[in-house]
Amino acid sequence: MFMLTKIEGEIESGTYATIDDDGTPCVQFFVDKDDAMTYNVQLSAVGYDLSVTETPDDSVDKICDLLGYAYTVAEPGDLVIPKLEILQKELENLDYLS
């Protein structure tokens, strides 16, 4: 599995998570590294500086339990794009929508 972190290979550096509808932080995992890289490019376009980090499949539950986060897994071929709220907020910070 692959996830986005602040420093490549270092989950402890900070894991990218969004907030789901009930207020729970949610980490997006990807089965396919190319899909994780595509998502990372989308986030970097609005100012995020993240890296793709591989993690063993069997540690996903452990990582999220330790963090108190929920998670989703994007299977190959799933279309995953950043939430509209993230894009709007970041673009406003860059004065593109002001």
PDB file of N, CA and C in Angstrom:
ATOM      1  N   MET A   1       0.841  -1.179   0.000  1.00  0.00           N
ATOM      2  CA  MET A   1       0.000   0.000   0.000  1.00  0.00           C
ATOM      3  C   MET A   1       0.886   1.242   0.000  1.00  0.00           C
ATOM      4  N   PHE A   2       0.303   2.325  -0.468  1.00  0.00           N
ATOM      5  CA  PHE A   2       1.026   3.587  -0.536  1.00  0.00           C
ATOM      6  C   PHE A   2       0.174   4.688   0.087  1.00  0.00           C
ATOM      7  N   MET A   3       0.850   5.631   0.737  1.00  0.00           N
ATOM      8  CA  MET A   3       0.182   6.758   1.377  1.00  0.00           C
ATOM      9  C   MET A   3       1.044   8.000   1.181  1.00  0.00           C
ATOM     10  N   LEU A   4       0.505   9.151   1.524  1.00  0.00           N
ATOM     11  CA  LEU A   4       1.246  10.402   1.390  1.00  0.00           C
ATOM     12  C   LEU A   4       1.730  10.862   2.759  1.00  0.00           C
ATOM     13  N   THR A   5       3.012  11.211   2.826  1.00  0.00           N
ATOM     14  CA  THR A   5       3.624  11.689   4.061  1.00  0.00           C
ATOM     15  C   THR A   5       4.464  12.931   3.763  1.00  0.00           C
ATOM     16  N   LYS A   6       4.860  13.635   4.824  1.00  0.00           N
ATOM     17  CA  LYS A   6       5.695  14.820   4.634  1.00  0.00           C
ATOM     18  C   LYS A   6       7.078  14.460   4.106  1.00  0.00           C
ATOM     19  N   ILE A   7       7.654  13.376   4.638  1.00  0.00           N
ATOM     20  CA  ILE A   7       8.976  12.930   4.200  1.00  0.00           C
ATOM     21  C   ILE A   7       8.846  11.496   3.699  1.00  0.00           C
ATOM     22  N   GLU A   8       9.398  11.239   2.525  1.00  0.00           N
ATOM     23  CA  GLU A   8       9.294   9.908   1.928  1.00  0.00           C
ATOM     24  C   GLU A   8       9.850   8.835   2.854  1.00  0.00           C
ATOM     25  N   GLY A   9       9.048   7.799   3.058  1.00  0.00           N
ATOM     26  CA  GLY A   9       9.478   6.672   3.865  1.00  0.00           C
ATOM     27  C   GLY A   9       9.348   6.867   5.365  1.00  0.00           C
ATOM     28  N   GLU A  10       8.890   8.037   5.804  1.00  0.00           N
ATOM     29  CA  GLU A  10       8.805   8.333   7.236  1.00  0.00           C
ATOM     30  C   GLU A  10       7.375   8.694   7.628  1.00  0.00           C
ATOM     31  N   ILE A  11       6.630   7.700   8.068  1.00  0.00           N
ATOM     32  CA  ILE A  11       5.251   7.931   8.491  1.00  0.00           C
ATOM     33  C   ILE A  11       5.212   8.905   9.666  1.00  0.00           C
ATOM     34  N   GLU A  12       6.223   8.832  10.531  1.00  0.00           N
ATOM     35  CA  GLU A  12       6.284   9.697  11.711  1.00  0.00           C
ATOM     36  C   GLU A  12       6.413  11.179  11.353  1.00  0.00           C
ATOM     37  N   SER A  13       6.823  11.487  10.129  1.00  0.00           N
ATOM     38  CA  SER A  13       6.999  12.877   9.711  1.00  0.00           C
ATOM     39  C   SER A  13       5.673  13.595   9.531  1.00  0.00           C
ATOM     40  N   GLY A  14       4.595  12.855   9.418  1.00  0.00           N
ATOM     41  CA  GLY A  14       3.267  13.420   9.205  1.00  0.00           C
ATOM     42  C   GLY A  14       2.598  12.722   8.048  1.00  0.00           C
ATOM     43  N   THR A  15       1.393  12.301   8.272  1.00  0.00           N
ATOM     44  CA  THR A  15       0.612  11.582   7.268  1.00  0.00           C
ATOM     45  C   THR A  15      -0.507  12.479   6.762  1.00  0.00           C
ATOM     46  N   TYR A  16      -0.669  12.557   5.456  1.00  0.00           N
ATOM     47  CA  TYR A  16      -1.735  13.369   4.889  1.00  0.00           C
ATOM     48  C   TYR A  16      -3.079  12.702   5.163  1.00  0.00           C
ATOM     49  N   ALA A  17      -4.005  13.473   5.720  1.00  0.00           N
ATOM     50  CA  ALA A  17      -5.353  12.981   5.988  1.00  0.00           C
ATOM     51  C   ALA A  17      -6.342  14.102   5.729  1.00  0.00           C
ATOM     52  N   THR A  18      -7.538  13.726   5.321  1.00  0.00           N
ATOM     53  CA  THR A  18      -8.633  14.680   5.175  1.00  0.00           C
ATOM     54  C   THR A  18      -9.597  14.459   6.339  1.00  0.00           C
ATOM     55  N   ILE A  19     -10.580  15.298   6.452  1.00  0.00           N
ATOM     56  CA  ILE A  19     -11.606  15.148   7.479  1.00  0.00           C
ATOM     57  C   ILE A  19     -12.885  14.681   6.790  1.00  0.00           C
ATOM     58  N   ASP A  20     -13.431  13.542   7.260  1.00  0.00           N
ATOM     59  CA  ASP A  20     -14.642  13.052   6.613  1.00  0.00           C
ATOM     60  C   ASP A  20     -15.869  13.774   7.168  1.00  0.00           C
ATOM     61  N   ASP A  21     -17.040  13.422   6.696  1.00  0.00           N
ATOM     62  CA  ASP A  21     -18.268  14.144   7.020  1.00  0.00           C
ATOM     63  C   ASP A  21     -18.605  14.167   8.507  1.00  0.00           C
ATOM     64  N   ASP A  22     -18.158  13.174   9.260  1.00  0.00           N
ATOM     65  CA  ASP A  22     -18.450  13.169  10.695  1.00  0.00           C
ATOM     66  C   ASP A  22     -17.305  13.733  11.543  1.00  0.00           C
ATOM     67  N   GLY A  23     -16.310  14.350  10.894  1.00  0.00           N
ATOM     68  CA  GLY A  23     -15.213  15.003  11.601  1.00  0.00           C
ATOM     69  C   GLY A  23     -14.027  14.121  11.923  1.00  0.00           C
ATOM     70  N   THR A  24     -14.021  12.894  11.435  1.00  0.00           N
ATOM     71  CA  THR A  24     -12.927  11.964  11.693  1.00  0.00           C
ATOM     72  C   THR A  24     -11.829  12.128  10.644  1.00  0.00           C
ATOM     73  N   PRO A  25     -10.560  12.272  11.074  1.00  0.00           N
ATOM     74  CA  PRO A  25      -9.470  12.283  10.090  1.00  0.00           C
ATOM     75  C   PRO A  25      -9.443  10.958   9.320  1.00  0.00           C
ATOM     76  N   CYS A  26      -9.183  11.043   8.033  1.00  0.00           N
ATOM     77  CA  CYS A  26      -9.221   9.863   7.169  1.00  0.00           C
ATOM     78  C   CYS A  26      -7.996   9.850   6.252  1.00  0.00           C
ATOM     79  N   VAL A  27      -7.225   8.775   6.334  1.00  0.00           N
ATOM     80  CA  VAL A  27      -6.027   8.612   5.503  1.00  0.00           C
ATOM     81  C   VAL A  27      -6.404   7.859   4.232  1.00  0.00           C
ATOM     82  N   GLN A  28      -5.919   8.334   3.101  1.00  0.00           N
ATOM     83  CA  GLN A  28      -6.162   7.671   1.816  1.00  0.00           C
ATOM     84  C   GLN A  28      -4.971   6.790   1.493  1.00  0.00           C
ATOM     85  N   PHE A  29      -5.216   5.489   1.367  1.00  0.00           N
ATOM     86  CA  PHE A  29      -4.187   4.541   0.939  1.00  0.00           C
ATOM     87  C   PHE A  29      -4.460   4.154  -0.508  1.00  0.00           C
ATOM     88  N   PHE A  30      -3.411   3.799  -1.208  1.00  0.00           N
ATOM     89  CA  PHE A  30      -3.507   3.407  -2.610  1.00  0.00           C
ATOM     90  C   PHE A  30      -2.839   2.048  -2.794  1.00  0.00           C
ATOM     91  N   VAL A  31      -3.490   1.160  -3.530  1.00  0.00           N
ATOM     92  CA  VAL A  31      -2.900  -0.132  -3.859  1.00  0.00           C
ATOM     93  C   VAL A  31      -1.796   0.062  -4.886  1.00  0.00           C
ATOM     94  N   ASP A  32      -2.015   0.960  -5.832  1.00  0.00           N
ATOM     95  CA  ASP A  32      -1.103   1.194  -6.947  1.00  0.00           C
ATOM     96  C   ASP A  32      -0.280   2.465  -6.707  1.00  0.00           C
ATOM     97  N   LYS A  33       1.034   2.361  -6.764  1.00  0.00           N
ATOM     98  CA  LYS A  33       1.902   3.519  -6.549  1.00  0.00           C
ATOM     99  C   LYS A  33       1.623   4.629  -7.547  1.00  0.00           C
ATOM    100  N   ASP A  34       1.337   4.295  -8.796  1.00  0.00           N
ATOM    101  CA  ASP A  34       1.038   5.329  -9.796  1.00  0.00           C
ATOM    102  C   ASP A  34      -0.184   6.157  -9.403  1.00  0.00           C
ATOM    103  N   ASP A  35      -1.187   5.516  -8.812  1.00  0.00           N
ATOM    104  CA  ASP A  35      -2.371   6.251  -8.365  1.00  0.00           C
ATOM    105  C   ASP A  35      -2.021   7.204  -7.228  1.00  0.00           C
ATOM    106  N   ALA A  36      -1.168   6.753  -6.302  1.00  0.00           N
ATOM    107  CA  ALA A  36      -0.721   7.620  -5.210  1.00  0.00           C
ATOM    108  C   ALA A  36       0.067   8.806  -5.759  1.00  0.00           C
ATOM    109  N   MET A  37       0.893   8.556  -6.753  1.00  0.00           N
ATOM    110  CA  MET A  37       1.677   9.632  -7.361  1.00  0.00           C
ATOM    111  C   MET A  37       0.773  10.638  -8.072  1.00  0.00           C
ATOM    112  N   THR A  38      -0.257  10.156  -8.740  1.00  0.00           N
ATOM    113  CA  THR A  38      -1.203  11.051  -9.413  1.00  0.00           C
ATOM    114  C   THR A  38      -1.916  11.943  -8.409  1.00  0.00           C
ATOM    115  N   TYR A  39      -2.378  11.362  -7.312  1.00  0.00           N
ATOM    116  CA  TYR A  39      -3.044  12.134  -6.259  1.00  0.00           C
ATOM    117  C   TYR A  39      -2.085  13.161  -5.663  1.00  0.00           C
ATOM    118  N   ASN A  40      -0.846  12.768  -5.468  1.00  0.00           N
ATOM    119  CA  ASN A  40       0.158  13.680  -4.936  1.00  0.00           C
ATOM    120  C   ASN A  40       0.393  14.868  -5.877  1.00  0.00           C
ATOM    121  N   VAL A  41       0.412  14.617  -7.165  1.00  0.00           N
ATOM    122  CA  VAL A  41       0.581  15.703  -8.140  1.00  0.00           C
ATOM    123  C   VAL A  41      -0.588  16.683  -8.046  1.00  0.00           C
ATOM    124  N   GLN A  42      -1.797  16.158  -7.891  1.00  0.00           N
ATOM    125  CA  GLN A  42      -2.970  17.032  -7.756  1.00  0.00           C
ATOM    126  C   GLN A  42      -2.840  17.922  -6.519  1.00  0.00           C
ATOM    127  N   LEU A  43      -2.390  17.343  -5.413  1.00  0.00           N
ATOM    128  CA  LEU A  43      -2.228  18.135  -4.189  1.00  0.00           C
ATOM    129  C   LEU A  43      -1.070  19.119  -4.298  1.00  0.00           C
ATOM    130  N   SER A  44      -0.004  18.731  -4.967  1.00  0.00           N
ATOM    131  CA  SER A  44       1.130  19.649  -5.107  1.00  0.00           C
ATOM    132  C   SER A  44       0.747  20.852  -5.969  1.00  0.00           C
ATOM    133  N   ALA A  45      -0.212  20.683  -6.862  1.00  0.00           N
ATOM    134  CA  ALA A  45      -0.662  21.792  -7.707  1.00  0.00           C
ATOM    135  C   ALA A  45      -1.333  22.896  -6.889  1.00  0.00           C
ATOM    136  N   VAL A  46      -1.806  22.560  -5.690  1.00  0.00           N
ATOM    137  CA  VAL A  46      -2.416  23.574  -4.825  1.00  0.00           C
ATOM    138  C   VAL A  46      -1.586  23.829  -3.571  1.00  0.00           C
ATOM    139  N   GLY A  47      -0.291  23.492  -3.642  1.00  0.00           N
ATOM    140  CA  GLY A  47       0.629  23.919  -2.602  1.00  0.00           C
ATOM    141  C   GLY A  47       1.059  22.893  -1.575  1.00  0.00           C
ATOM    142  N   TYR A  48       0.609  21.670  -1.666  1.00  0.00           N
ATOM    143  CA  TYR A  48       1.045  20.645  -0.712  1.00  0.00           C
ATOM    144  C   TYR A  48       2.393  20.070  -1.148  1.00  0.00           C
ATOM    145  N   ASP A  49       3.291  19.869  -0.187  1.00  0.00           N
ATOM    146  CA  ASP A  49       4.603  19.289  -0.459  1.00  0.00           C
ATOM    147  C   ASP A  49       4.674  17.946   0.262  1.00  0.00           C
ATOM    148  N   LEU A  50       4.261  16.884  -0.429  1.00  0.00           N
ATOM    149  CA  LEU A  50       4.172  15.557   0.153  1.00  0.00           C
ATOM    150  C   LEU A  50       4.966  14.546  -0.663  1.00  0.00           C
ATOM    151  N   SER A  51       5.157  13.384  -0.084  1.00  0.00           N
ATOM    152  CA  SER A  51       5.864  12.298  -0.766  1.00  0.00           C
ATOM    153  C   SER A  51       5.042  11.025  -0.669  1.00  0.00           C
ATOM    154  N   VAL A  52       5.261  10.134  -1.605  1.00  0.00           N
ATOM    155  CA  VAL A  52       4.599   8.831  -1.596  1.00  0.00           C
ATOM    156  C   VAL A  52       5.450   7.881  -0.765  1.00  0.00           C
ATOM    157  N   THR A  53       4.812   7.230   0.206  1.00  0.00           N
ATOM    158  CA  THR A  53       5.501   6.306   1.110  1.00  0.00           C
ATOM    159  C   THR A  53       4.815   4.948   1.053  1.00  0.00           C
ATOM    160  N   GLU A  54       5.613   3.916   0.904  1.00  0.00           N
ATOM    161  CA  GLU A  54       5.067   2.558   0.889  1.00  0.00           C
ATOM    162  C   GLU A  54       4.980   2.031   2.314  1.00  0.00           C
ATOM    163  N   THR A  55       3.905   1.321   2.593  1.00  0.00           N
ATOM    164  CA  THR A  55       3.720   0.690   3.888  1.00  0.00           C
ATOM    165  C   THR A  55       3.187  -0.726   3.672  1.00  0.00           C
ATOM    166  N   PRO A  56       3.593  -1.674   4.481  1.00  0.00           N
ATOM    167  CA  PRO A  56       3.087  -3.042   4.310  1.00  0.00           C
ATOM    168  C   PRO A  56       1.563  -3.092   4.451  1.00  0.00           C
ATOM    169  N   ASP A  57       0.928  -3.896   3.629  1.00  0.00           N
ATOM    170  CA  ASP A  57      -0.532  -4.007   3.643  1.00  0.00           C
ATOM    171  C   ASP A  57      -1.070  -4.320   5.035  1.00  0.00           C
ATOM    172  N   ASP A  58      -0.385  -5.177   5.764  1.00  0.00           N
ATOM    173  CA  ASP A  58      -0.899  -5.607   7.061  1.00  0.00           C
ATOM    174  C   ASP A  58      -0.720  -4.570   8.172  1.00  0.00           C
ATOM    175  N   SER A  59      -0.056  -3.448   7.895  1.00  0.00           N
ATOM    176  CA  SER A  59       0.126  -2.428   8.922  1.00  0.00           C
ATOM    177  C   SER A  59      -0.861  -1.264   8.795  1.00  0.00           C
ATOM    178  N   VAL A  60      -1.705  -1.281   7.773  1.00  0.00           N
ATOM    179  CA  VAL A  60      -2.663  -0.185   7.566  1.00  0.00           C
ATOM    180  C   VAL A  60      -3.564  -0.023   8.784  1.00  0.00           C
ATOM    181  N   ASP A  61      -4.165  -1.118   9.257  1.00  0.00           N
ATOM    182  CA  ASP A  61      -5.036  -1.047  10.438  1.00  0.00           C
ATOM    183  C   ASP A  61      -4.273  -0.543  11.656  1.00  0.00           C
ATOM    184  N   LYS A  62      -3.060  -1.026  11.852  1.00  0.00           N
ATOM    185  CA  LYS A  62      -2.259  -0.642  13.015  1.00  0.00           C
ATOM    186  C   LYS A  62      -1.933   0.850  12.987  1.00  0.00           C
ATOM    187  N   ILE A  63      -1.516   1.339  11.826  1.00  0.00           N
ATOM    188  CA  ILE A  63      -1.160   2.752  11.694  1.00  0.00           C
ATOM    189  C   ILE A  63      -2.353   3.630  12.042  1.00  0.00           C
ATOM    190  N   CYS A  64      -3.491   3.323  11.442  1.00  0.00           N
ATOM    191  CA  CYS A  64      -4.670   4.167  11.646  1.00  0.00           C
ATOM    192  C   CYS A  64      -5.222   4.046  13.060  1.00  0.00           C
ATOM    193  N   ASP A  65      -5.138   2.865  13.661  1.00  0.00           N
ATOM    194  CA  ASP A  65      -5.558   2.715  15.057  1.00  0.00           C
ATOM    195  C   ASP A  65      -4.689   3.563  15.976  1.00  0.00           C
ATOM    196  N   LEU A  66      -3.375   3.553  15.743  1.00  0.00           N
ATOM    197  CA  LEU A  66      -2.466   4.357  16.562  1.00  0.00           C
ATOM    198  C   LEU A  66      -2.761   5.846  16.434  1.00  0.00           C
ATOM    199  N   LEU A  67      -3.078   6.276  15.230  1.00  0.00           N
ATOM    200  CA  LEU A  67      -3.362   7.690  14.981  1.00  0.00           C
ATOM    201  C   LEU A  67      -4.785   8.082  15.378  1.00  0.00           C
ATOM    202  N   GLY A  68      -5.650   7.093  15.511  1.00  0.00           N
ATOM    203  CA  GLY A  68      -7.064   7.379  15.761  1.00  0.00           C
ATOM    204  C   GLY A  68      -7.778   7.852  14.509  1.00  0.00           C
ATOM    205  N   TYR A  69      -7.293   7.423  13.349  1.00  0.00           N
ATOM    206  CA  TYR A  69      -7.836   7.849  12.066  1.00  0.00           C
ATOM    207  C   TYR A  69      -8.609   6.714  11.401  1.00  0.00           C
ATOM    208  N   ALA A  70      -9.541   7.097  10.558  1.00  0.00           N
ATOM    209  CA  ALA A  70     -10.189   6.151   9.654  1.00  0.00           C
ATOM    210  C   ALA A  70      -9.321   6.069   8.399  1.00  0.00           C
ATOM    211  N   TYR A  71      -9.648   5.164   7.483  1.00  0.00           N
ATOM    212  CA  TYR A  71      -8.902   5.107   6.227  1.00  0.00           C
ATOM    213  C   TYR A  71      -9.771   4.547   5.120  1.00  0.00           C
ATOM    214  N   THR A  72      -9.370   4.861   3.918  1.00  0.00           N
ATOM    215  CA  THR A  72      -9.973   4.269   2.729  1.00  0.00           C
ATOM    216  C   THR A  72      -8.838   3.745   1.856  1.00  0.00           C
ATOM    217  N   VAL A  73      -9.175   2.771   1.032  1.00  0.00           N
ATOM    218  CA  VAL A  73      -8.184   2.180   0.134  1.00  0.00           C
ATOM    219  C   VAL A  73      -8.669   2.361  -1.301  1.00  0.00           C
ATOM    220  N   ALA A  74      -7.854   3.028  -2.113  1.00  0.00           N
ATOM    221  CA  ALA A  74      -8.160   3.206  -3.536  1.00  0.00           C
ATOM    222  C   ALA A  74      -7.587   2.015  -4.295  1.00  0.00           C
ATOM    223  N   GLU A  75      -8.468   1.278  -4.927  1.00  0.00           N
ATOM    224  CA  GLU A  75      -8.058   0.142  -5.745  1.00  0.00           C
ATOM    225  C   GLU A  75      -7.598   0.661  -7.108  1.00  0.00           C
ATOM    226  N   PRO A  76      -6.784  -0.109  -7.830  1.00  0.00           N
ATOM    227  CA  PRO A  76      -6.356   0.330  -9.162  1.00  0.00           C
ATOM    228  C   PRO A  76      -7.574   0.666 -10.032  1.00  0.00           C
ATOM    229  N   GLY A  77      -7.501   1.803 -10.682  1.00  0.00           N
ATOM    230  CA  GLY A  77      -8.591   2.242 -11.551  1.00  0.00           C
ATOM    231  C   GLY A  77      -9.597   3.146 -10.869  1.00  0.00           C
ATOM    232  N   ASP A  78      -9.566   3.243  -9.513  1.00  0.00           N
ATOM    233  CA  ASP A  78     -10.458   4.164  -8.805  1.00  0.00           C
ATOM    234  C   ASP A  78     -10.025   5.597  -9.101  1.00  0.00           C
ATOM    235  N   LEU A  79     -10.989   6.462  -9.288  1.00  0.00           N
ATOM    236  CA  LEU A  79     -10.714   7.879  -9.507  1.00  0.00           C
ATOM    237  C   LEU A  79     -10.749   8.582  -8.153  1.00  0.00           C
ATOM    238  N   VAL A  80      -9.619   9.118  -7.733  1.00  0.00           N
ATOM    239  CA  VAL A  80      -9.521   9.812  -6.455  1.00  0.00           C
ATOM    240  C   VAL A  80      -9.013  11.218  -6.730  1.00  0.00           C
ATOM    241  N   ILE A  81      -9.796  12.207  -6.295  1.00  0.00           N
ATOM    242  CA  ILE A  81      -9.388  13.604  -6.445  1.00  0.00           C
ATOM    243  C   ILE A  81      -9.519  14.281  -5.088  1.00  0.00           C
ATOM    244  N   PRO A  82      -8.741  15.329  -4.843  1.00  0.00           N
ATOM    245  CA  PRO A  82      -8.857  16.044  -3.565  1.00  0.00           C
ATOM    246  C   PRO A  82     -10.265  16.618  -3.399  1.00  0.00           C
ATOM    247  N   LYS A  83     -10.704  16.689  -2.146  1.00  0.00           N
ATOM    248  CA  LYS A  83     -12.018  17.255  -1.851  1.00  0.00           C
ATOM    249  C   LYS A  83     -12.086  18.692  -2.347  1.00  0.00           C
ATOM    250  N   LEU A  84     -13.243  19.090  -2.788  1.00  0.00           N
ATOM    251  CA  LEU A  84     -13.457  20.445  -3.299  1.00  0.00           C
ATOM    252  C   LEU A  84     -13.076  21.493  -2.256  1.00  0.00           C
ATOM    253  N   GLU A  85     -13.389  21.222  -0.990  1.00  0.00           N
ATOM    254  CA  GLU A  85     -13.078  22.182   0.066  1.00  0.00           C
ATOM    255  C   GLU A  85     -11.580  22.445   0.162  1.00  0.00           C
ATOM    256  N   ILE A  86     -10.773  21.409  -0.020  1.00  0.00           N
ATOM    257  CA  ILE A  86      -9.318  21.551   0.029  1.00  0.00           C
ATOM    258  C   ILE A  86      -8.844  22.410  -1.137  1.00  0.00           C
ATOM    259  N   LEU A  87      -9.362  22.098  -2.309  1.00  0.00           N
ATOM    260  CA  LEU A  87      -8.956  22.853  -3.489  1.00  0.00           C
ATOM    261  C   LEU A  87      -9.359  24.315  -3.377  1.00  0.00           C
ATOM    262  N   GLN A  88     -10.589  24.592  -2.940  1.00  0.00           N
ATOM    263  CA  GLN A  88     -11.046  25.975  -2.813  1.00  0.00           C
ATOM    264  C   GLN A  88     -10.217  26.742  -1.795  1.00  0.00           C
ATOM    265  N   LYS A  89      -9.982  26.124  -0.634  1.00  0.00           N
ATOM    266  CA  LYS A  89      -9.210  26.785   0.419  1.00  0.00           C
ATOM    267  C   LYS A  89      -7.806  27.115  -0.060  1.00  0.00           C
ATOM    268  N   GLU A  90      -7.153  26.164  -0.680  1.00  0.00           N
ATOM    269  CA  GLU A  90      -5.783  26.391  -1.118  1.00  0.00           C
ATOM    270  C   GLU A  90      -5.716  27.420  -2.246  1.00  0.00           C
ATOM    271  N   LEU A  91      -6.658  27.369  -3.159  1.00  0.00           N
ATOM    272  CA  LEU A  91      -6.663  28.354  -4.241  1.00  0.00           C
ATOM    273  C   LEU A  91      -6.941  29.759  -3.709  1.00  0.00           C
ATOM    274  N   GLU A  92      -7.811  29.876  -2.707  1.00  0.00           N
ATOM    275  CA  GLU A  92      -8.067  31.176  -2.096  1.00  0.00           C
ATOM    276  C   GLU A  92      -6.802  31.697  -1.423  1.00  0.00           C
ATOM    277  N   ASN A  93      -6.061  30.791  -0.772  1.00  0.00           N
ATOM    278  CA  ASN A  93      -4.803  31.198  -0.151  1.00  0.00           C
ATOM    279  C   ASN A  93      -3.792  31.686  -1.177  1.00  0.00           C
ATOM    280  N   LEU A  94      -3.891  31.199  -2.396  1.00  0.00           N
ATOM    281  CA  LEU A  94      -2.980  31.612  -3.456  1.00  0.00           C
ATOM    282  C   LEU A  94      -3.517  32.807  -4.243  1.00  0.00           C
ATOM    283  N   ASP A  95      -4.657  33.346  -3.821  1.00  0.00           N
ATOM    284  CA  ASP A  95      -5.307  34.499  -4.433  1.00  0.00           C
ATOM    285  C   ASP A  95      -5.809  34.247  -5.850  1.00  0.00           C
ATOM    286  N   TYR A  96      -6.027  32.991  -6.226  1.00  0.00           N
ATOM    287  CA  TYR A  96      -6.568  32.702  -7.540  1.00  0.00           C
ATOM    288  C   TYR A  96      -8.077  32.945  -7.602  1.00  0.00           C
ATOM    289  N   LEU A  97      -8.757  32.811  -6.462  1.00  0.00           N
ATOM    290  CA  LEU A  97     -10.206  33.000  -6.445  1.00  0.00           C
ATOM    291  C   LEU A  97     -10.610  34.319  -5.802  1.00  0.00           C
ATOM    292  N   SER A  98      -9.661  35.100  -5.332  1.00  0.00           N
ATOM    293  CA  SER A  98      -9.985  36.351  -4.648  1.00  0.00           C
ATOM    294  C   SER A  98     -10.258  37.458  -5.643  1.00  0.00           C
TER     295      SER A  98
END
